Protein backbone atom coordinates (compact mmCIF):
# COMPACT_ATOMS: atom_id res chain seq x y z
CA UNK A 1 -4.73 2.41 -21.70
CA UNK A 2 -7.62 2.39 -19.27
CA UNK A 3 -10.61 0.26 -20.14
CA UNK A 4 -14.02 1.70 -19.38
CA UNK A 5 -16.76 -0.68 -18.26
CA UNK A 6 -20.30 0.63 -18.27
CA UNK A 7 -22.66 -0.93 -15.74
CA UNK A 8 -25.63 -0.05 -17.94
CA UNK A 9 -24.05 -2.03 -20.76
CA UNK A 10 -23.85 -5.07 -18.49
CA UNK A 11 -27.59 -4.94 -17.93
CA UNK A 12 -28.53 -4.17 -21.52
CA UNK A 13 -26.26 -6.78 -23.05
CA UNK A 14 -26.26 -10.56 -22.83
CA UNK A 15 -22.77 -11.01 -21.42
CA UNK A 16 -23.00 -12.76 -18.03
CA UNK A 17 -21.31 -11.12 -15.09
CA UNK A 18 -18.95 -14.07 -14.79
CA UNK A 19 -17.80 -13.58 -18.40
CA UNK A 20 -17.36 -9.87 -17.73
CA UNK A 21 -15.14 -10.62 -14.75
CA UNK A 22 -13.16 -13.24 -16.68
CA UNK A 23 -12.66 -10.89 -19.61
CA UNK A 24 -11.68 -8.00 -17.39
CA UNK A 25 -8.99 -9.97 -15.60
CA UNK A 26 -7.44 -11.54 -18.69
CA UNK A 27 -3.91 -10.32 -19.55
CA UNK A 28 -4.94 -8.46 -22.68
CA UNK A 29 -7.97 -6.79 -21.11
CA UNK A 30 -6.96 -6.16 -17.53
CA UNK A 31 -7.48 -2.44 -16.99
CA UNK A 32 -5.14 -0.14 -15.19
CA UNK A 33 -8.33 1.60 -14.17
CA UNK A 34 -12.02 0.82 -14.01
CA UNK A 35 -13.57 4.16 -14.89
CA UNK A 36 -17.12 3.44 -13.79
CA UNK A 37 -18.71 0.52 -12.03
CA UNK A 38 -22.10 0.81 -10.38
CA UNK A 39 -22.63 -1.69 -7.59
CA UNK A 40 -26.39 -1.35 -7.97
CA UNK A 41 -26.25 -3.18 -11.28
CA UNK A 42 -24.63 -6.42 -10.22
CA UNK A 43 -24.33 -8.42 -7.00
CA UNK A 44 -21.44 -7.54 -4.70
CA UNK A 45 -21.19 -11.00 -3.25
CA UNK A 46 -20.89 -12.91 -6.53
CA UNK A 47 -17.55 -14.75 -6.22
CA UNK A 48 -16.54 -13.97 -9.79
CA UNK A 49 -17.04 -10.25 -9.25
CA UNK A 50 -15.09 -10.31 -5.99
CA UNK A 51 -12.35 -12.25 -7.78
CA UNK A 52 -12.21 -9.59 -10.48
CA UNK A 53 -11.76 -6.80 -7.98
CA UNK A 54 -9.29 -8.88 -5.95
CA UNK A 55 -7.21 -9.36 -9.07
CA UNK A 56 -7.52 -5.69 -9.92
CA UNK A 57 -6.29 -4.57 -6.51
CA UNK A 58 -3.40 -7.03 -6.46
CA UNK A 59 -2.11 -5.90 -9.83
CA UNK A 60 -2.52 -2.15 -9.64
CA UNK A 61 -2.82 0.79 -7.31
CA UNK A 62 -6.36 2.10 -7.24
CA UNK A 63 -8.37 4.96 -5.89
CA UNK A 64 -11.92 4.20 -4.88
CA UNK A 65 -14.35 7.06 -5.26
CA UNK A 66 -17.45 6.28 -3.20
CA UNK A 67 -20.38 8.70 -3.25
CA UNK A 68 -21.74 7.71 0.14
CA UNK A 69 -23.60 4.78 1.61
CA UNK A 70 -20.54 2.72 2.54
CA UNK A 71 -20.33 1.99 6.26
CA UNK A 72 -16.65 1.08 6.19
CA UNK A 73 -14.12 3.61 7.53
CA UNK A 74 -12.47 5.50 4.66
CA UNK A 75 -8.98 4.36 3.80
CA UNK A 76 -8.25 7.82 2.47
CA UNK A 77 -10.92 10.35 3.22
CA UNK A 78 -10.89 13.29 0.82
CA UNK A 79 -14.00 14.09 -1.16
CA UNK A 80 -14.91 10.39 -0.91
CA UNK A 81 -11.49 9.16 -2.08
CA UNK A 82 -10.63 5.83 -0.49
CA UNK A 83 -7.11 4.66 -1.33
CA UNK A 84 -6.06 1.05 -0.97
CA UNK A 85 -3.23 -0.60 -2.80
CA UNK A 86 -3.05 -4.17 -1.55
CA UNK A 87 -5.85 -4.79 0.93
CA UNK A 88 -8.30 -7.09 -0.85
CA UNK A 89 -10.19 -7.77 2.36
CA UNK A 90 -10.93 -4.12 2.93
CA UNK A 91 -12.08 -3.71 -0.66
CA UNK A 92 -14.39 -6.72 -0.44
CA UNK A 93 -15.85 -5.38 2.79
CA UNK A 94 -16.34 -2.01 1.14
CA UNK A 95 -18.28 -3.59 -1.71
CA UNK A 96 -20.40 -5.82 0.52
CA UNK A 97 -21.34 -3.05 2.93
CA UNK A 98 -21.72 -0.19 0.48
CA UNK A 99 -25.20 -1.08 -0.68
CA UNK A 100 -26.73 -1.83 2.72
CA UNK A 101 -26.12 0.99 5.13
CA UNK A 102 -27.78 4.19 4.00
CA UNK A 103 -31.38 5.11 4.65
CA UNK A 104 -31.35 7.67 1.87
CA UNK A 105 -34.26 7.59 -0.53
CA UNK A 106 -35.29 9.36 -3.70
CA UNK A 107 -33.67 9.48 -7.11
CA UNK A 108 -30.94 11.94 -6.14
CA UNK A 109 -30.24 10.14 -2.90
CA UNK A 110 -29.83 6.57 -4.13
CA UNK A 111 -26.09 6.64 -4.27
CA UNK A 112 -25.04 3.76 -2.05
CA UNK A 113 -22.05 1.86 -3.26
CA UNK A 114 -21.43 3.79 -6.48
CA UNK A 115 -17.75 3.31 -7.09
CA UNK A 116 -15.18 4.58 -9.52
CA UNK A 117 -11.75 3.03 -9.77
CA UNK A 118 -9.10 5.27 -11.27
CA UNK A 119 -5.49 4.48 -12.02
CA UNK A 120 -3.12 6.18 -9.62
CA UNK A 121 0.55 6.83 -10.01
CA UNK A 122 2.22 4.63 -7.41
CA UNK A 123 4.54 7.37 -6.23
CA UNK A 124 1.78 9.91 -5.70
CA UNK A 125 -0.55 7.35 -4.15
CA UNK A 126 2.04 6.29 -1.61
CA UNK A 127 2.52 9.93 -0.61
CA UNK A 128 -1.19 10.61 -0.15
CA UNK A 129 -2.33 11.35 3.39
CA UNK A 130 -5.89 11.24 4.71
CA UNK A 131 -7.68 14.52 5.27
CA UNK A 132 -9.28 14.78 8.67
CA UNK A 133 -13.08 14.77 8.73
CA UNK A 134 -15.38 17.50 10.04
CA UNK A 135 -18.95 16.32 10.69
CA UNK A 136 -21.55 19.11 10.79
CA UNK A 137 -24.73 18.30 12.70
CA UNK A 138 -28.02 20.17 12.50
CA UNK A 139 -30.40 21.79 10.05
CA UNK A 140 -30.40 22.15 6.28
CA UNK A 141 -33.17 24.17 4.69
CA UNK A 142 -34.19 26.42 1.82
CA UNK A 143 -33.49 30.14 2.19
CA UNK A 144 -35.66 32.50 0.15
CA UNK A 145 -33.68 35.68 -0.50
CA UNK A 146 -35.26 38.84 -2.02
CA UNK A 147 -34.11 39.73 -5.51
CA UNK A 148 -33.87 43.35 -4.35
CA UNK A 149 -31.98 44.27 -1.20
CA UNK A 150 -32.73 46.92 1.39
CA UNK A 151 -36.42 46.05 1.65
CA UNK A 152 -38.53 44.36 4.27
CA UNK A 153 -39.83 40.89 3.55
CA UNK A 154 -43.30 42.31 2.93
CA UNK A 155 -41.98 44.83 0.38
CA UNK A 156 -39.73 42.42 -1.54
CA UNK A 157 -41.01 41.99 -5.12
CA UNK A 158 -39.70 38.45 -5.53
CA UNK A 159 -37.49 35.84 -3.88
CA UNK A 160 -34.71 33.56 -5.07
CA UNK A 161 -34.40 30.15 -3.43
CA UNK A 162 -31.01 29.11 -2.11
CA UNK A 163 -29.85 26.16 -0.01
CA UNK A 164 -28.95 27.07 3.56
CA UNK A 165 -28.90 26.08 7.22
CA UNK A 166 -25.84 27.02 9.28
CA UNK A 167 -24.31 23.53 9.83
CA UNK A 168 -24.85 22.62 6.17
CA UNK A 169 -23.30 25.92 5.11
CA UNK A 170 -20.20 25.11 7.17
CA UNK A 171 -19.94 21.62 5.65
CA UNK A 172 -20.12 22.94 2.09
CA UNK A 173 -17.75 25.76 2.98
CA UNK A 174 -15.14 23.26 4.17
CA UNK A 175 -15.56 21.09 1.08
CA UNK A 176 -15.28 24.09 -1.26
CA UNK A 177 -11.99 24.96 0.41
CA UNK A 178 -10.63 21.46 -0.24
CA UNK A 179 -11.44 19.94 3.14
CA UNK A 180 -13.28 16.76 4.05
CA UNK A 181 -16.76 17.34 5.47
CA UNK A 182 -19.94 15.42 6.20
CA UNK A 183 -23.42 16.64 7.06
CA UNK A 184 -25.77 14.90 9.48
CA UNK A 185 -29.41 15.89 9.78
CA UNK A 186 -32.90 15.36 8.41
CA UNK A 187 -34.85 16.79 5.49
CA UNK A 188 -38.31 16.17 4.13
CA UNK A 189 -39.05 13.33 1.75
CA UNK A 190 -39.91 15.96 -0.85
CA UNK A 191 -38.39 17.72 -3.83
CA UNK A 192 -36.64 20.32 -1.68
CA UNK A 193 -35.11 17.56 0.43
CA UNK A 194 -33.84 15.72 -2.64
CA UNK A 195 -32.47 18.97 -4.02
CA UNK A 196 -30.55 19.68 -0.81
CA UNK A 197 -28.92 16.25 -0.72
CA UNK A 198 -27.99 16.59 -4.37
CA UNK A 199 -26.33 19.93 -3.59
CA UNK A 200 -24.33 18.30 -0.78
CA UNK A 201 -23.12 15.58 -3.12
CA UNK A 202 -22.31 18.02 -5.93
CA UNK A 203 -20.12 19.88 -3.45
CA UNK A 204 -18.44 16.66 -2.30
CA UNK A 205 -19.94 16.68 1.15
CA UNK A 206 -20.52 13.21 2.61
CA UNK A 207 -24.30 12.78 2.88
CA UNK A 208 -24.67 9.33 4.35
CA UNK A 209 -25.76 10.87 7.67
CA UNK A 210 -28.81 12.53 6.09
CA UNK A 211 -32.24 11.05 6.74
CA UNK A 212 -35.54 11.70 4.95
CA UNK A 213 -38.85 12.12 6.77
CA UNK A 214 -42.00 11.19 4.80
CA UNK A 215 -44.26 12.91 7.31
CA UNK A 216 -42.70 16.38 7.45
CA UNK A 217 -41.57 19.01 4.99
CA UNK A 218 -38.12 20.48 4.47
CA UNK A 219 -37.75 23.71 6.45
CA UNK A 220 -38.10 27.08 4.69
CA UNK A 221 -36.72 30.46 5.75
CA UNK A 222 -37.26 33.92 4.28
CA UNK A 223 -34.38 36.29 4.95
CA UNK A 224 -33.57 39.82 3.87
CA UNK A 225 -31.08 42.59 4.61
CA UNK A 226 -32.94 45.75 5.61
CA UNK A 227 -31.77 49.30 4.91
CA UNK A 228 -30.39 49.55 8.45
CA UNK A 229 -28.13 46.57 7.75
CA UNK A 230 -30.01 44.18 10.03
CA UNK A 231 -31.26 40.82 8.81
CA UNK A 232 -34.90 39.91 9.04
CA UNK A 233 -36.03 36.26 9.26
CA UNK A 234 -39.29 34.41 8.85
CA UNK A 235 -39.29 30.61 9.32
CA UNK A 236 -41.75 27.93 8.24
CA UNK A 237 -41.31 24.84 10.45
CA UNK A 238 -43.84 23.63 13.07
CA UNK A 239 -42.52 20.99 12.72
CA UNK A 240 -40.13 20.69 9.82
CA UNK A 241 -38.14 17.55 9.10
CA UNK A 242 -34.92 18.83 10.69
CA UNK A 243 -36.67 18.93 14.09
CA UNK A 244 -37.57 15.24 13.89
CA UNK A 245 -34.18 13.52 13.72
CA UNK A 246 -34.23 10.70 16.27
CA UNK A 247 -31.41 9.20 18.31
CA UNK A 248 -31.65 5.84 16.54
CA UNK A 249 -31.13 7.57 13.17
CA UNK A 250 -27.64 8.83 14.07
CA UNK A 251 -24.75 7.42 12.07
CA UNK A 252 -22.54 6.53 15.03
CA UNK A 253 -19.58 5.40 12.93
CA UNK A 254 -19.56 8.66 11.00
CA UNK A 255 -19.36 10.66 14.23
CA UNK A 256 -16.59 8.43 15.57
CA UNK A 257 -14.55 8.91 12.39
CA UNK A 258 -14.59 12.70 12.78
CA UNK A 259 -11.81 14.90 14.07
CA UNK A 260 -14.26 17.75 14.74
CA UNK A 261 -18.02 17.70 15.33
CA UNK A 262 -19.57 21.09 14.57
CA UNK A 263 -23.09 22.11 15.60
CA UNK A 264 -25.36 25.03 16.48
CA UNK A 265 -28.21 25.55 18.93
CA UNK A 266 -31.29 25.36 16.68
CA UNK A 267 -31.28 21.57 16.95
CA UNK A 268 -31.73 21.99 20.73
CA UNK A 269 -35.11 23.71 20.43
CA UNK A 270 -37.42 20.70 20.21
CA UNK A 271 -37.55 16.94 20.67
CA UNK A 272 -36.63 14.47 19.32
CA UNK A 273 -33.81 16.40 17.66
CA UNK A 274 -32.57 17.77 20.98
CA UNK A 275 -31.92 14.26 22.31
CA UNK A 276 -30.24 13.28 19.05
CA UNK A 277 -28.01 16.36 19.30
CA UNK A 278 -26.98 15.57 22.88
CA UNK A 279 -26.31 11.93 21.97
CA UNK A 280 -24.14 12.95 19.02
CA UNK A 281 -22.07 15.14 21.35
CA UNK A 282 -21.75 12.28 23.83
CA UNK A 283 -20.58 9.87 21.13
CA UNK A 284 -18.08 12.42 19.83
CA UNK A 285 -16.68 13.20 23.26
CA UNK A 286 -16.15 9.50 24.05
CA UNK A 287 -14.34 9.09 20.72
CA UNK A 288 -11.99 12.01 21.43
CA UNK A 289 -13.58 14.26 18.81
CA UNK A 290 -13.22 18.03 19.22
CA UNK A 291 -16.53 19.87 19.69
CA UNK A 292 -17.12 23.12 17.77
CA UNK A 293 -20.13 25.29 18.69
CA UNK A 294 -21.70 28.26 16.91
CA UNK A 295 -24.94 29.12 18.76
CA UNK A 296 -26.36 30.88 15.68
CA UNK A 297 -29.01 32.76 17.65
CA UNK A 298 -32.41 32.82 15.92
CA UNK A 299 -34.83 34.23 18.48
CA UNK A 300 -38.00 33.75 16.37
CA UNK A 301 -37.52 29.98 16.62
CA UNK A 302 -37.45 29.88 20.43
CA UNK A 303 -40.51 30.13 22.64
CA UNK A 304 -38.97 33.06 24.55
CA UNK A 305 -35.64 34.87 25.00
CA UNK A 306 -35.23 33.12 28.35
CA UNK A 307 -35.68 29.71 26.71
CA UNK A 308 -33.12 30.63 24.06
CA UNK A 309 -30.58 31.80 26.63
CA UNK A 310 -31.04 28.69 28.74
CA UNK A 311 -30.91 26.36 25.73
CA UNK A 312 -27.78 27.92 24.27
CA UNK A 313 -25.94 27.81 27.61
CA UNK A 314 -27.06 24.25 28.40
CA UNK A 315 -24.21 22.77 26.33
CA UNK A 316 -21.78 25.67 26.62
CA UNK A 317 -19.24 24.03 28.92
CA UNK A 318 -18.78 20.99 26.68
CA UNK A 319 -17.39 22.78 23.63
CA UNK A 320 -13.70 22.99 22.76
CA UNK A 321 -14.24 25.80 20.24
CA UNK A 322 -16.96 28.45 20.40
CA UNK A 323 -17.71 31.14 17.84
CA UNK A 324 -20.15 33.92 18.75
CA UNK A 325 -21.14 37.32 17.38
CA UNK A 326 -21.36 40.69 19.16
CA UNK A 327 -25.14 40.33 19.19
CA UNK A 328 -24.87 36.97 20.92
CA UNK A 329 -22.48 38.34 23.57
CA UNK A 330 -24.98 41.06 24.42
CA UNK A 331 -27.81 38.54 24.52
CA UNK A 332 -25.99 36.04 26.71
CA UNK A 333 -24.19 38.40 29.09
CA UNK A 334 -26.01 41.72 28.98
CA UNK A 335 -22.60 43.37 28.77
CA UNK A 336 -20.71 45.47 26.25
CA UNK A 337 -20.14 43.14 23.28
CA UNK A 338 -16.85 44.84 22.43
CA UNK A 339 -15.28 44.46 25.88
CA UNK A 340 -12.88 41.68 26.76
CA UNK A 341 -14.58 41.35 30.14
CA UNK A 342 -17.93 40.43 28.60
CA UNK A 343 -16.31 37.94 26.25
CA UNK A 344 -14.20 36.32 28.96
CA UNK A 345 -17.24 35.92 31.19
CA UNK A 346 -18.21 33.20 28.71
CA UNK A 347 -14.91 31.34 29.09
CA UNK A 348 -15.00 27.90 30.69
CA UNK A 349 -12.09 25.71 31.88
CA UNK A 350 -12.28 23.16 29.05
CA UNK A 351 -12.47 25.75 26.27
CA UNK A 352 -9.54 25.92 23.86
CA UNK A 353 -10.61 28.80 21.62
CA UNK A 354 -13.28 31.50 21.92
CA UNK A 355 -13.96 33.61 18.83
CA UNK A 356 -16.04 36.77 18.59
CA UNK A 357 -16.94 37.89 15.06
CA UNK A 358 -17.53 41.58 14.41
CA UNK A 359 -18.62 41.60 10.77
CA UNK A 360 -16.50 43.88 8.59
CA UNK A 361 -14.34 44.74 11.62
CA UNK A 362 -12.91 41.23 11.76
CA UNK A 363 -12.77 39.03 14.83
CA UNK A 364 -11.35 38.71 18.32
CA UNK A 365 -9.77 35.52 19.64
CA UNK A 366 -9.15 34.22 23.15
CA UNK A 367 -7.15 31.19 24.27
CA UNK A 368 -5.81 30.24 27.69
CA UNK A 369 -2.44 31.79 26.79
CA UNK A 370 -3.11 34.76 24.51
CA UNK A 371 -5.78 36.93 22.90
CA UNK A 372 -6.01 39.52 20.14
CA UNK A 373 -7.87 40.83 17.13
CA UNK A 374 -7.56 40.21 13.38
CA UNK A 375 -8.74 43.02 11.13
CA UNK A 376 -11.55 42.31 8.70
CA UNK A 377 -12.31 43.39 5.15
CA UNK A 378 -14.54 46.29 4.17
CA UNK A 379 -17.09 45.33 1.51
CA UNK A 380 -20.45 46.52 0.22
CA UNK A 381 -22.61 43.58 1.28
CA UNK A 382 -25.33 42.25 -0.97
CA UNK A 383 -26.46 39.61 1.51
CA UNK A 384 -24.74 38.77 4.79
CA UNK A 385 -26.50 35.42 5.15
CA UNK A 386 -23.93 32.68 5.67
CA UNK A 387 -20.96 34.99 6.30
CA UNK A 388 -20.44 33.64 9.81
CA UNK A 389 -20.75 30.08 8.53
CA UNK A 390 -18.16 30.78 5.84
CA UNK A 391 -15.88 32.15 8.58
CA UNK A 392 -16.33 28.97 10.63
CA UNK A 393 -15.72 26.80 7.57
CA UNK A 394 -12.48 28.65 6.84
CA UNK A 395 -11.27 28.32 10.41
CA UNK A 396 -12.13 24.62 10.75
CA UNK A 397 -10.46 23.88 7.41
CA UNK A 398 -7.22 25.26 8.84
CA UNK A 399 -7.70 23.84 12.33
CA UNK A 400 -8.40 20.28 11.26
CA UNK A 401 -5.06 20.26 9.45
CA UNK A 402 -3.15 21.65 12.43
CA UNK A 403 -4.68 20.99 15.82
CA UNK A 404 -1.86 22.96 17.45
CA UNK A 405 -3.28 26.29 16.24
CA UNK A 406 -4.50 26.93 19.78
CA UNK A 407 -0.89 27.09 20.95
CA UNK A 408 0.70 29.14 18.16
CA UNK A 409 -0.61 32.71 17.91
CA UNK A 410 1.10 33.42 14.59
CA UNK A 411 -0.50 30.41 12.93
CA UNK A 412 -3.86 31.18 14.52
CA UNK A 413 -3.81 34.74 13.20
CA UNK A 414 -3.08 33.47 9.69
CA UNK A 415 -5.98 31.03 9.96
CA UNK A 416 -8.29 33.81 11.14
CA UNK A 417 -7.18 36.08 8.29
CA UNK A 418 -8.17 33.26 5.94
CA UNK A 419 -11.50 32.83 7.75
CA UNK A 420 -12.22 36.58 7.59
CA UNK A 421 -11.66 36.50 3.83
CA UNK A 422 -14.09 33.59 3.49
CA UNK A 423 -16.76 35.53 5.35
CA UNK A 424 -16.20 38.74 3.38
CA UNK A 425 -16.45 37.01 0.02
CA UNK A 426 -19.71 35.34 0.99
CA UNK A 427 -21.44 38.69 1.59
CA UNK A 428 -20.93 39.76 -2.03
CA UNK A 429 -23.49 37.33 -3.46
CA UNK A 430 -27.06 36.43 -2.56
CA UNK A 431 -27.70 33.24 -0.62
CA UNK A 432 -25.39 31.30 1.66
CA UNK A 433 -24.20 28.14 -0.10
CA UNK A 434 -24.10 29.70 -3.60
CA UNK A 435 -21.76 32.41 -2.28
CA UNK A 436 -19.27 30.19 -0.43
CA UNK A 437 -15.77 30.57 -1.94
CA UNK A 438 -13.16 28.07 -3.01
CA UNK A 439 -9.56 28.22 -1.82
CA UNK A 440 -8.19 29.89 -4.95
CA UNK A 441 -10.69 32.72 -4.61
CA UNK A 442 -9.77 33.28 -0.97
CA UNK A 443 -6.04 33.21 -1.62
CA UNK A 444 -6.31 35.64 -4.52
CA UNK A 445 -8.25 38.01 -2.32
CA UNK A 446 -5.64 37.79 0.43
CA UNK A 447 -2.65 38.07 -1.90
CA UNK A 448 -3.80 40.86 -4.21
CA UNK A 449 -5.05 43.39 -1.69
CA UNK A 450 -8.53 43.66 -0.24
CA UNK A 451 -9.67 47.14 -1.13
CA UNK A 452 -8.89 47.08 -4.86
CA UNK A 453 -10.48 43.67 -5.39
CA UNK A 454 -13.65 44.51 -3.50
CA UNK A 455 -14.43 47.71 -5.42
CA UNK A 456 -18.01 47.65 -6.75
CA UNK A 457 -16.74 48.93 -10.13
CA UNK A 458 -16.01 46.09 -12.61
CA UNK A 459 -12.41 47.09 -13.32
CA UNK A 460 -9.73 44.39 -13.75
CA UNK A 461 -9.60 42.46 -10.48
CA UNK A 462 -12.76 44.18 -9.29
CA UNK A 463 -14.96 42.02 -7.18
CA UNK A 464 -17.68 41.59 -9.84
CA UNK A 465 -15.17 40.44 -12.41
CA UNK A 466 -13.50 38.24 -9.83
CA UNK A 467 -16.78 36.58 -8.97
CA UNK A 468 -17.33 35.70 -12.62
CA UNK A 469 -13.84 34.18 -12.77
CA UNK A 470 -14.57 32.09 -9.70
CA UNK A 471 -17.81 30.73 -11.13
CA UNK A 472 -16.10 29.67 -14.34
CA UNK A 473 -13.27 27.87 -12.59
CA UNK A 474 -15.55 26.14 -10.11
CA UNK A 475 -17.57 24.62 -12.95
CA UNK A 476 -14.43 23.38 -14.67
CA UNK A 477 -13.30 21.29 -11.69
């Protein structure tokens, strides 16, 4: 039977740490799992503690669940799961480094080195394979969404706050779908900043790449869906913390551990974040990391349309994967957004996949060998914020597990069908991150037929009823 050791009990009680370690490793008390040990509450480098963990690792298979802060490469990266059966040296290094690396501050951000050891069945543990990491670089902010749709921002009676920011949305989207994601960026050293990091951690997104700025506030954005279906934005930055990420604040190891680095263009607008963005891309490219780019055009943030066009195109030829919308094709090329000619004018020799999203109409795809279109889902949108990010999250979740998708059209179409479903589901709730689906929700939508499930009437399997089911199951996990 597993023995549970409470770190708070160690502090409150009189038992020395050495006695705790001796007791824990004795034959009658040696646990098959340590259910909770907080490295903040005793010294990592105490020989007796290291001996305890050495003994524990030698005698049993363990899973280490680290909630960020550790600078060591993950031995099994999946929602912070690090698996190691026999390597005492790696475990000791993990413990010694876990408390030192992160610059996170604030009550919700002080998570360095928190570790859980859980007993693992040897057969299942030996079969476990690491999930590839997607690092999302850029902005995370607070979206304020009107409680009533179809109105201008000025006419909205009230607003509901929701976490957002395109790269952060993608990271959470990947994690919700069972993937392994990290977010890298900067927020204010304020309550909104702490809230955002807590949301990342609650969604099992690695947050060790997040920095806090005591001199700037977390960015705010007001967004609404007008009667004509167009979104309206109003941003409060000038400058916000996300614009102030510096090159020296980058977590280089985190970038190097990634399989894919995903980013947008908003982080190119101002220094010092622009230089940090370019450096992150340089580090990733040297490490053989795939580069994924969603320009995420937000004209109000740029000084002029010309500056936006130039900024977006400045890094265009470095990306392996690019996702754009019809609006962005028109903006960048001046051509018909629904023509293949306009889309292919944006192709560059190093590009592996170009995607054009068309909202409810689905998406088009272009590779060096083939192209086509995958039909979308027709829904009655409540709020389209984050739909494109959900699409990207769905695609990258599939791509990171099979990097040959570029070469197999059948597999690519299946991945894009999955991504389309992710985007459609997200439009049925207000806010971006709150609306991002889990894998079960997406698969049920795909398998049970789109039209019947997305009816606005709360019949069995209607979308409203389905949303309630999804919320219940997500809280039970």
